[in-house]
Every structure is written in C-alpha cells, then in structure tokens.
Amino acid sequence: MERILRKYGARVVCVRPDFTVFESSGHTEDTEELVKKLSEYNLVEFVRGARVAIMKESEGFHKRLKEFEYKEPGEEVIENEFLEKGEKIFTM
C-alpha cells in the first residue's frame, strides 16, 4: 500500500481500526488511476473536491482568470445528491 500511495503522491491522513483516510491531489486522470488501484483493496468511498484558491483582491488577475475560464471552461459541476441528507446517511 505504501508503494502505491508514494507512486501517486498520496498520503495517509488518518488510521483507525475500522477505517483509513488517504489524501491525494492532482489531475483527474491521476486520481482516477489511484482510485482504480485502491479499488483492488476494497476502497469503500471516494470524494473529489474542487480547486480552491485564496488570494488578495487583484483586478488584473481576476480579469485574466475570467478570460481564461471563457476560453477554456472547466468540467460541469455535479452536485452531491447526498449533501442535504445529513445524519440520515453519515454517522460517526
């Protein structure tokens, strides 16, 4: 498992007797490959986050970013159908 995680740049975040949490970031193709590899070991759940950027206000950068998004739009956002279910689905 350690070799697989190292190969994909993933790391262990939490180890408990009943579950383990891994974290990885990268391109969609890379994370899909990691998920496929981990599914051989009974991967139970996979969550993908979005890109996050935090910066001070910058009008020039913002304008260039909007132009880039217009020229090269990202993937369509798919809402999580379980998000509003709360405790009906997730318990700890």
Protein backbone atom coordinates (compact mmCIF):
# COMPACT_ATOMS: atom_id res chain seq x y z
CA MET A 1 0.00 0.00 0.00
CA GLU A 2 2.85 2.36 0.85
CA ARG A 3 4.36 1.92 -2.63
CA ILE A 4 1.00 2.66 -4.29
CA LEU A 5 0.48 5.82 -2.23
CA ARG A 6 4.01 7.00 -2.92
CA LYS A 7 3.64 6.35 -6.66
CA TYR A 8 0.55 8.60 -6.85
CA GLY A 9 1.78 11.22 -4.37
CA ALA A 10 -0.94 10.31 -1.86
CA ARG A 11 -0.52 10.34 1.91
CA VAL A 12 -2.20 8.78 4.92
CA VAL A 13 -4.27 11.31 6.86
CA CYS A 14 -5.89 9.12 9.49
CA VAL A 15 -5.62 5.46 10.55
CA ARG A 16 -8.29 3.90 12.77
CA PRO A 17 -9.20 0.27 13.47
CA ASP A 18 -12.29 0.48 11.23
CA PHE A 19 -11.13 2.90 8.51
CA THR A 20 -8.17 4.69 6.93
CA VAL A 21 -8.24 8.04 5.15
CA PHE A 22 -5.87 8.87 2.28
CA GLU A 23 -5.38 12.26 0.66
CA SER A 24 -4.20 12.93 -2.85
CA SER A 25 -4.26 15.84 -5.26
CA GLY A 26 -3.59 16.06 -8.95
CA HIS A 27 -5.12 15.81 -12.36
CA THR A 28 -8.38 13.88 -12.80
CA GLU A 29 -6.64 11.13 -14.76
CA ASP A 30 -4.11 10.59 -11.95
CA THR A 31 -6.71 10.43 -9.20
CA GLU A 32 -8.90 8.12 -11.28
CA GLU A 33 -5.92 5.81 -11.70
CA LEU A 34 -5.30 5.85 -7.94
CA VAL A 35 -8.98 5.10 -7.22
CA LYS A 36 -8.87 2.19 -9.67
CA LYS A 37 -5.76 0.82 -7.97
CA LEU A 38 -7.24 1.24 -4.46
CA SER A 39 -10.49 -0.43 -5.53
CA GLU A 40 -8.48 -3.66 -5.76
CA TYR A 41 -8.17 -3.30 -1.98
CA ASN A 42 -11.90 -2.73 -1.37
CA LEU A 43 -11.96 1.06 -1.49
CA VAL A 44 -15.32 1.93 0.06
CA GLU A 45 -15.73 5.65 -0.55
CA PHE A 46 -14.12 8.30 -2.72
CA VAL A 47 -14.67 12.05 -2.51
CA ARG A 48 -13.38 14.54 -5.05
CA GLY A 49 -13.00 18.19 -4.11
CA ALA A 50 -12.72 21.22 -6.34
CA ARG A 51 -9.87 23.61 -6.91
CA VAL A 52 -9.53 26.21 -4.21
CA ALA A 53 -7.60 29.47 -4.42
CA ILE A 54 -7.35 32.17 -1.80
CA MET A 55 -5.74 35.48 -2.63
CA LYS A 56 -5.98 39.19 -2.05
CA GLU A 57 -8.11 41.21 -4.43
CA SER A 58 -6.41 41.69 -7.78
CA GLU A 59 -8.39 43.25 -10.62
CA GLY A 60 -5.84 42.36 -13.32
CA PHE A 61 -5.59 38.74 -12.25
CA HIS A 62 -9.36 38.44 -11.93
CA LYS A 63 -9.85 39.77 -15.47
CA ARG A 64 -7.30 37.31 -16.91
CA LEU A 65 -8.88 34.45 -14.97
CA LYS A 66 -12.34 35.26 -16.36
CA GLU A 67 -10.90 35.39 -19.90
CA PHE A 68 -9.23 32.01 -19.36
CA GLU A 69 -12.45 30.47 -18.00
CA TYR A 70 -14.32 31.77 -21.03
CA LYS A 71 -11.77 30.32 -23.47
CA GLU A 72 -11.29 27.02 -21.62
CA PRO A 73 -14.33 26.24 -19.46
CA GLY A 74 -13.91 23.62 -16.74
CA GLU A 75 -15.90 20.45 -16.27
CA GLU A 76 -19.57 20.77 -15.39
CA VAL A 77 -20.15 20.69 -11.64
CA ILE A 78 -22.14 17.68 -10.47
CA GLU A 79 -23.94 18.29 -7.20
CA ASN A 80 -23.71 15.70 -4.44
CA GLU A 81 -27.11 14.03 -4.22
CA PHE A 82 -26.46 13.10 -0.57
CA LEU A 83 -25.39 16.56 0.61
CA GLU A 84 -28.72 17.52 2.19
CA LYS A 85 -29.36 14.09 3.77
CA GLY A 86 -27.11 14.78 6.78
CA GLU A 87 -27.34 12.29 9.61
CA LYS A 88 -29.67 10.01 7.65
CA ILE A 89 -26.62 8.80 5.74
CA PHE A 90 -23.45 9.76 7.60
CA THR A 91 -22.79 8.90 11.21
CA MET A 92 -19.62 8.81 13.28
